[in-house]
C-alpha atoms as a PDB file:
ATOM      1  CA  MET A   1     -17.029  -0.395  58.220  1.00  0.00           C
ATOM      2  CA  ASP A   2     -14.054  -2.719  57.871  1.00  0.00           C
ATOM      3  CA  HIS A   3     -12.083  -3.313  61.099  1.00  0.00           C
ATOM      4  CA  LYS A   4      -8.806  -2.107  59.531  1.00  0.00           C
ATOM      5  CA  LEU A   5     -10.457   1.104  58.348  1.00  0.00           C
ATOM      6  CA  LYS A   6     -11.782   1.760  61.848  1.00  0.00           C
ATOM      7  CA  VAL A   7      -8.346   1.169  63.376  1.00  0.00           C
ATOM      8  CA  LYS A   8      -6.721   3.420  60.758  1.00  0.00           C
ATOM      9  CA  ALA A   9      -9.236   6.186  61.523  1.00  0.00           C
ATOM     10  CA  ILE A  10      -8.566   5.860  65.260  1.00  0.00           C
ATOM     11  CA  ILE A  11      -4.798   5.948  64.690  1.00  0.00           C
ATOM     12  CA  ASP A  12      -5.158   8.982  62.418  1.00  0.00           C
ATOM     13  CA  ARG A  13      -7.190  10.939  64.969  1.00  0.00           C
ATOM     14  CA  ASN A  14      -4.957  10.000  67.905  1.00  0.00           C
ATOM     15  CA  ILE A  15      -1.641  10.649  66.175  1.00  0.00           C
ATOM     16  CA  ARG A  16      -2.837  14.106  65.126  1.00  0.00           C
ATOM     17  CA  ASP A  17      -3.816  14.871  68.715  1.00  0.00           C
ATOM     18  CA  ILE A  18      -0.536  13.533  70.106  1.00  0.00           C
ATOM     19  CA  VAL A  19       1.630  15.483  67.653  1.00  0.00           C
ATOM     20  CA  LEU A  20      -0.225  18.733  68.206  1.00  0.00           C
ATOM     21  CA  LYS A  21      -0.249  18.369  72.006  1.00  0.00           C
ATOM     22  CA  ASN A  22       3.475  17.637  72.075  1.00  0.00           C
ATOM     23  CA  SER A  23       4.595  20.413  69.791  1.00  0.00           C
ATOM     24  CA  ASN A  24       6.207  23.164  71.788  1.00  0.00           C
ATOM     25  CA  ASN A  25       8.211  26.353  71.459  1.00  0.00           C
ATOM     26  CA  LYS A  26      11.345  24.404  70.528  1.00  0.00           C
ATOM     27  CA  ILE A  27       9.608  22.794  67.568  1.00  0.00           C
ATOM     28  CA  GLY A  28       7.452  25.711  66.437  1.00  0.00           C
ATOM     29  CA  PHE A  29       3.966  25.804  65.006  1.00  0.00           C
ATOM     30  CA  ILE A  30       3.353  22.463  63.345  1.00  0.00           C
ATOM     31  CA  SER A  31       0.659  21.370  60.944  1.00  0.00           C
ATOM     32  CA  VAL A  32      -0.228  17.711  60.432  1.00  0.00           C
ATOM     33  CA  ASN A  33      -1.157  17.569  56.760  1.00  0.00           C
ATOM     34  CA  LYS A  34      -1.719  13.869  56.277  1.00  0.00           C
ATOM     35  CA  VAL A  35      -1.503  10.586  58.161  1.00  0.00           C
ATOM     36  CA  GLU A  36      -0.967   7.304  56.329  1.00  0.00           C
ATOM     37  CA  VAL A  37      -1.214   3.931  58.041  1.00  0.00           C
ATOM     38  CA  SER A  38       0.310   0.867  56.406  1.00  0.00           C
ATOM     39  CA  ASN A  39      -2.036  -1.983  55.465  1.00  0.00           C
ATOM     40  CA  ASP A  40      -0.583  -4.241  58.159  1.00  0.00           C
ATOM     41  CA  LEU A  41      -0.930  -1.422  60.747  1.00  0.00           C
ATOM     42  CA  SER A  42       2.776  -1.609  61.585  1.00  0.00           C
ATOM     43  CA  PHE A  43       3.816   1.870  60.474  1.00  0.00           C
ATOM     44  CA  VAL A  44       2.346   5.373  60.487  1.00  0.00           C
ATOM     45  CA  LYS A  45       3.658   8.113  58.192  1.00  0.00           C
ATOM     46  CA  VAL A  46       2.865  11.588  59.472  1.00  0.00           C
ATOM     47  CA  TYR A  47       3.260  14.379  56.920  1.00  0.00           C
ATOM     48  CA  VAL A  48       4.030  17.634  58.717  1.00  0.00           C
ATOM     49  CA  SER A  49       4.891  21.201  57.840  1.00  0.00           C
ATOM     50  CA  PHE A  50       6.196  24.021  59.964  1.00  0.00           C
ATOM     51  CA  MET A  51       5.007  27.581  59.827  1.00  0.00           C
ATOM     52  CA  ASN A  52       7.074  30.474  61.100  1.00  0.00           C
ATOM     53  CA  ALA A  53       9.841  28.136  62.212  1.00  0.00           C
ATOM     54  CA  GLU A  54      13.239  29.755  61.763  1.00  0.00           C
ATOM     55  CA  ASP A  55      14.980  26.477  61.042  1.00  0.00           C
ATOM     56  CA  LYS A  56      12.513  23.908  59.751  1.00  0.00           C
ATOM     57  CA  LEU A  57      15.083  21.129  59.504  1.00  0.00           C
ATOM     58  CA  LYS A  58      16.151  21.629  63.099  1.00  0.00           C
ATOM     59  CA  SER A  59      12.509  21.560  64.213  1.00  0.00           C
ATOM     60  CA  PHE A  60      11.912  18.463  62.110  1.00  0.00           C
ATOM     61  CA  LYS A  61      14.891  16.673  63.708  1.00  0.00           C
ATOM     62  CA  LYS A  62      13.508  17.458  67.175  1.00  0.00           C
ATOM     63  CA  LEU A  63      10.139  16.079  66.132  1.00  0.00           C
ATOM     64  CA  GLU A  64      11.770  12.891  64.818  1.00  0.00           C
ATOM     65  CA  GLN A  65      13.509  12.433  68.165  1.00  0.00           C
ATOM     66  CA  MET A  66      10.108  12.485  69.845  1.00  0.00           C
ATOM     67  CA  ALA A  67       8.775   9.617  67.678  1.00  0.00           C
ATOM     68  CA  PRO A  68       9.373   6.834  70.256  1.00  0.00           C
ATOM     69  CA  TYR A  69       7.619   8.872  72.946  1.00  0.00           C
ATOM     70  CA  MET A  70       4.693   9.538  70.617  1.00  0.00           C
ATOM     71  CA  ARG A  71       4.504   5.825  69.799  1.00  0.00           C
ATOM     72  CA  HIS A  72       4.300   5.119  73.523  1.00  0.00           C
ATOM     73  CA  GLN A  73       1.466   7.624  73.900  1.00  0.00           C
ATOM     74  CA  LEU A  74      -0.310   6.056  70.940  1.00  0.00           C
ATOM     75  CA  ALA A  75       0.015   2.617  72.582  1.00  0.00           C
ATOM     76  CA  GLU A  76      -1.772   3.942  75.658  1.00  0.00           C
ATOM     77  CA  LYS A  77      -4.723   5.043  73.525  1.00  0.00           C
ATOM     78  CA  LEU A  78      -5.043   1.935  71.351  1.00  0.00           C
ATOM     79  CA  SER A  79      -6.144  -1.556  72.236  1.00  0.00           C
ATOM     80  CA  ILE A  80      -4.344  -3.452  69.495  1.00  0.00           C
ATOM     81  CA  TYR A  81      -1.654  -6.121  69.754  1.00  0.00           C
ATOM     82  CA  LYS A  82       1.201  -4.148  68.232  1.00  0.00           C
ATOM     83  CA  THR A  83       1.489  -0.373  68.180  1.00  0.00           C
ATOM     84  CA  PRO A  84       2.690   0.991  64.845  1.00  0.00           C
ATOM     85  CA  ARG A  85       6.038   2.746  64.545  1.00  0.00           C
ATOM     86  CA  VAL A  86       5.746   6.464  63.868  1.00  0.00           C
ATOM     87  CA  GLY A  87       7.701   8.189  61.123  1.00  0.00           C
ATOM     88  CA  PHE A  88       7.596  11.803  60.057  1.00  0.00           C
ATOM     89  CA  ILE A  89       7.874  13.262  56.574  1.00  0.00           C
ATOM     90  CA  LEU A  90       8.547  16.953  56.030  1.00  0.00           C
ATOM     91  CA  ASP A  91       5.797  18.158  53.715  1.00  0.00           C
ATOM     92  CA  GLU A  92       6.681  21.377  51.917  1.00  0.00           C
ATOM     93  CA  ARG A  93       3.502  21.606  49.825  1.00  0.00           C
ATOM     94  CA  PHE A  94       2.127  24.467  51.908  1.00  0.00           C
ATOM     95  CA  ASN A  95       5.317  26.498  51.467  1.00  0.00           C
ATOM     96  CA  ILE A  96       5.442  25.749  47.748  1.00  0.00           C
ATOM     97  CA  ASP A  97       1.795  26.786  47.344  1.00  0.00           C
ATOM     98  CA  GLN A  98       2.465  29.992  49.273  1.00  0.00           C
ATOM     99  CA  LYS A  99       5.497  30.832  47.112  1.00  0.00           C
ATOM    100  CA  MET A 100       3.540  30.110  43.921  1.00  0.00           C
ATOM    101  CA  SER A 101       0.740  32.418  45.074  1.00  0.00           C
ATOM    102  CA  GLU A 102       3.237  35.174  45.819  1.00  0.00           C
ATOM    103  CA  LEU A 103       4.861  34.774  42.387  1.00  0.00           C
ATOM    104  CA  LEU A 104       1.495  34.797  40.614  1.00  0.00           C
ATOM    105  CA  GLU A 105       0.459  37.915  42.525  1.00  0.00           C
ATOM    106  CA  LYS A 106       3.753  39.620  41.615  1.00  0.00           C
ATOM    107  CA  ASP A 107       3.303  38.688  37.942  1.00  0.00           C
ATOM    108  CA  ALA A 108      -0.264  40.005  37.970  1.00  0.00           C
ATOM    109  CA  LYS A 109       0.923  43.354  39.379  1.00  0.00           C
ATOM    110  CA  GLU A 110       3.654  43.623  36.746  1.00  0.00           C
ATOM    111  CA  LEU A 111       1.170  42.761  34.011  1.00  0.00           C
ATOM    112  CA  ASN A 112      -1.183  45.491  35.243  1.00  0.00           C
ATOM    113  CA  LYS A 113       1.697  48.010  35.189  1.00  0.00           C
ATOM    114  CA  ILE A 114       2.509  47.061  31.590  1.00  0.00           C
ATOM    115  CA  LYS A 115      -1.165  47.363  30.589  1.00  0.00           C
ATOM    116  CA  LYS A 116      -1.381  50.818  32.174  1.00  0.00           C
ATOM    117  CA  LYS A 117       1.747  51.968  30.327  1.00  0.00           C
ATOM    118  CA  ASN A 118       0.388  50.780  26.998  1.00  0.00           C
ATOM    119  CA  SER A 119      -3.032  52.407  27.517  1.00  0.00           C
END
């Protein structure tokens, strides 16, 4: 396996662990959906979503404030020259998928009601 791919895999695993271990009641339940590492290993994008968080943007801001601390923790786990900067991206795909499922289920129920009326 290519050295960069190994390093990317190690960063991916460690950043997921760090984010999940450092999430707390103030942030809410967090899901790390995807981790992307730049080709030069200088930056990590962490795609996250929040479940059951009352104010997702507020939770996201708190998570962003923790980025330097998480970078420091990542540096302790890696043995590379320069530790990548950590950036977070709010990923709403889960919420969109959930809303789409709810809408499809609602439409299916309405369609069944119409079919029963016409029968």
